[in-house]
Amino acid sequence: MEQTISAAEWQVMRVLWAHPGATSQEIIQALQEGVDWQATTVKTLLGRLRKKNYLRMAKETSKYHYYPLISEEEHLQGQVELLLATICSTKQGQLVENLLDTGIFSKKTLENLAIKICQLQESAPEHVVCQCLAGQCTCGHHKKGELR
């Protein structure tokens, strides 16, 4: 299973996904507009990401260049799977609704979502069954006070 990364590490990875092979100086420059980090902070984050196998470092000429070992799409899919595994299956629809309320979407994206929803409706169950252990959720599918 992929290790989780912090919000700060995520910012570094976003630079590398946009600019694979960037040097630490290039990463620092890219981040300067949005965050007030010292160069040592960015280098510490790069070291952590290497230990977590998110990136590799290669010496080219006299500088080190950093390359992502996982794509942004793979990482996002892993994060979605991790999130869905941590919430009650009966609340996953609520999560999607919250994303729609919170996010910013183009008309084309919303059209694609509408098509996807129509496709999923054809095979969707009438009710989603809770898969949580008793005492882990508040969906109401467990007897009140029941703990195993």
Protein backbone atom coordinates (compact mmCIF):
# COMPACT_ATOMS: atom_id res chain seq x y z
CA MET A 1 0.00 0.00 0.00
CA GLU A 2 1.18 3.46 -0.83
CA GLN A 3 2.28 5.60 2.10
CA THR A 4 0.36 8.76 2.79
CA ILE A 5 2.04 12.08 2.25
CA SER A 6 1.60 15.34 4.13
CA ALA A 7 0.07 18.46 2.61
CA ALA A 8 3.56 19.95 2.33
CA GLU A 9 4.91 16.85 0.57
CA TRP A 10 1.91 16.99 -1.75
CA GLN A 11 2.93 20.53 -2.78
CA VAL A 12 6.42 19.33 -3.69
CA MET A 13 5.01 16.40 -5.67
CA ARG A 14 2.71 18.74 -7.59
CA VAL A 15 5.78 20.62 -8.81
CA LEU A 16 7.45 17.36 -9.83
CA TRP A 17 4.36 16.09 -11.64
CA ALA A 18 4.30 19.35 -13.58
CA HIS A 19 8.09 19.44 -14.07
CA PRO A 20 9.69 15.98 -13.84
CA GLY A 21 13.45 16.22 -13.54
CA ALA A 22 13.42 19.55 -11.72
CA THR A 23 16.34 20.43 -9.47
CA SER A 24 15.83 21.39 -5.84
CA GLN A 25 16.44 25.05 -6.78
CA GLU A 26 13.74 24.87 -9.46
CA ILE A 27 11.34 23.26 -6.99
CA ILE A 28 12.10 25.95 -4.40
CA GLN A 29 11.49 28.69 -6.98
CA ALA A 30 8.20 27.13 -8.09
CA LEU A 31 6.96 27.00 -4.50
CA GLN A 32 8.07 30.52 -3.51
CA GLU A 33 4.95 32.14 -4.92
CA GLY A 34 2.61 30.16 -2.68
CA VAL A 35 4.53 29.18 0.45
CA ASP A 36 7.14 30.78 2.66
CA TRP A 37 9.54 27.85 3.07
CA GLN A 38 13.28 27.90 3.48
CA ALA A 39 15.40 25.88 1.04
CA THR A 40 16.20 23.44 3.85
CA THR A 41 12.49 22.75 4.34
CA VAL A 42 12.05 21.80 0.69
CA LYS A 43 15.16 19.61 0.79
CA THR A 44 13.84 17.88 3.91
CA LEU A 45 10.55 17.23 2.13
CA LEU A 46 12.41 15.85 -0.89
CA GLY A 47 14.30 13.49 1.42
CA ARG A 48 11.07 12.28 3.03
CA LEU A 49 9.49 11.70 -0.37
CA ARG A 50 12.53 9.67 -1.45
CA LYS A 51 12.23 7.49 1.67
CA LYS A 52 8.54 6.95 0.90
CA ASN A 53 9.46 5.95 -2.69
CA TYR A 54 7.54 8.80 -4.27
CA LEU A 55 10.52 10.12 -6.16
CA ARG A 56 14.02 9.29 -7.24
CA MET A 57 17.05 11.50 -7.34
CA ALA A 58 19.57 11.36 -10.18
CA LYS A 59 22.84 13.27 -10.44
CA GLU A 60 23.11 14.85 -13.88
CA THR A 61 26.18 16.97 -14.55
CA SER A 62 26.76 18.68 -11.20
CA LYS A 63 23.14 18.87 -10.02
CA TYR A 64 20.58 16.48 -8.62
CA HIS A 65 17.34 16.12 -10.50
CA TYR A 66 14.15 14.69 -9.03
CA TYR A 67 11.70 12.41 -10.82
CA PRO A 68 8.31 11.19 -9.58
CA LEU A 69 8.02 7.41 -9.18
CA ILE A 70 4.23 7.54 -9.05
CA SER A 71 1.97 9.48 -11.38
CA GLU A 72 -0.43 12.07 -10.10
CA GLU A 73 -3.35 9.95 -11.34
CA GLU A 74 -2.08 6.86 -9.48
CA HIS A 75 -1.62 8.88 -6.32
CA LEU A 76 -5.09 10.45 -6.55
CA GLN A 77 -6.66 7.02 -7.11
CA GLY A 78 -4.83 5.70 -4.04
CA GLN A 79 -6.03 8.64 -1.95
CA VAL A 80 -9.63 8.12 -3.09
CA GLU A 81 -9.45 4.41 -2.25
CA LEU A 82 -7.94 5.20 1.15
CA LEU A 83 -10.65 7.75 1.90
CA LEU A 84 -13.46 5.44 0.82
CA ALA A 85 -12.03 2.64 2.95
CA THR A 86 -12.19 4.86 6.03
CA ILE A 87 -15.85 5.88 5.83
CA CYS A 88 -19.09 3.94 6.03
CA SER A 89 -20.20 2.73 2.59
CA THR A 90 -23.63 4.28 3.24
CA LYS A 91 -21.97 7.72 3.46
CA GLN A 92 -19.98 7.56 0.21
CA GLY A 93 -22.78 9.29 -1.71
CA GLN A 94 -22.75 12.11 0.84
CA LEU A 95 -18.99 12.44 0.28
CA VAL A 96 -19.52 12.82 -3.48
CA GLU A 97 -22.24 15.41 -2.87
CA ASN A 98 -19.86 17.32 -0.58
CA LEU A 99 -17.19 17.24 -3.30
CA LEU A 100 -19.68 18.61 -5.81
CA ASP A 101 -20.72 21.37 -3.39
CA THR A 102 -17.13 22.29 -2.57
CA GLY A 103 -15.27 21.83 -5.86
CA ILE A 104 -15.09 23.97 -8.97
CA PHE A 105 -16.10 22.18 -12.17
CA SER A 106 -16.33 23.11 -15.82
CA LYS A 107 -19.54 22.53 -17.77
CA LYS A 108 -17.81 19.71 -19.68
CA THR A 109 -16.76 18.00 -16.46
CA LEU A 110 -20.30 18.23 -15.11
CA GLU A 111 -21.65 16.80 -18.39
CA ASN A 112 -19.22 13.88 -18.07
CA LEU A 113 -20.28 13.36 -14.45
CA ALA A 114 -23.95 13.34 -15.46
CA ILE A 115 -23.23 10.69 -18.11
CA LYS A 116 -21.28 8.61 -15.58
CA ILE A 117 -24.10 8.88 -13.03
CA CYS A 118 -26.66 7.73 -15.63
CA GLN A 119 -24.47 4.73 -16.47
CA LEU A 120 -24.05 3.82 -12.80
CA GLN A 121 -27.79 4.13 -12.11
CA GLU A 122 -28.47 1.17 -14.39
CA SER A 123 -26.69 -1.29 -12.07
CA ALA A 124 -26.89 0.55 -8.74
CA PRO A 125 -28.46 -1.33 -5.81
CA GLU A 126 -31.62 0.06 -4.19
CA HIS A 127 -29.76 0.40 -0.87
CA VAL A 128 -26.10 0.39 0.08
CA VAL A 129 -25.21 -2.03 2.85
CA CYS A 130 -22.99 -0.90 5.70
CA GLN A 131 -19.71 -2.84 5.86
CA CYS A 132 -18.46 -1.27 9.10
CA LEU A 133 -17.75 -3.14 12.29
CA ALA A 134 -20.38 -2.59 14.96
CA GLY A 135 -19.45 0.50 16.95
CA GLN A 136 -17.55 2.15 14.10
CA CYS A 137 -20.26 4.21 12.45
CA THR A 138 -23.46 6.13 12.96
CA CYS A 139 -25.37 4.98 9.88
CA GLY A 140 -28.04 3.28 11.98
CA HIS A 141 -27.55 -0.21 10.54
CA HIS A 142 -26.24 -1.56 13.83
CA LYS A 143 -28.15 -2.03 17.06
CA LYS A 144 -27.72 0.90 19.43
CA GLY A 145 -24.89 0.28 21.87
CA GLU A 146 -23.86 -2.98 20.15
CA LEU A 147 -20.12 -3.60 20.33
CA ARG A 148 -18.42 -6.88 19.58
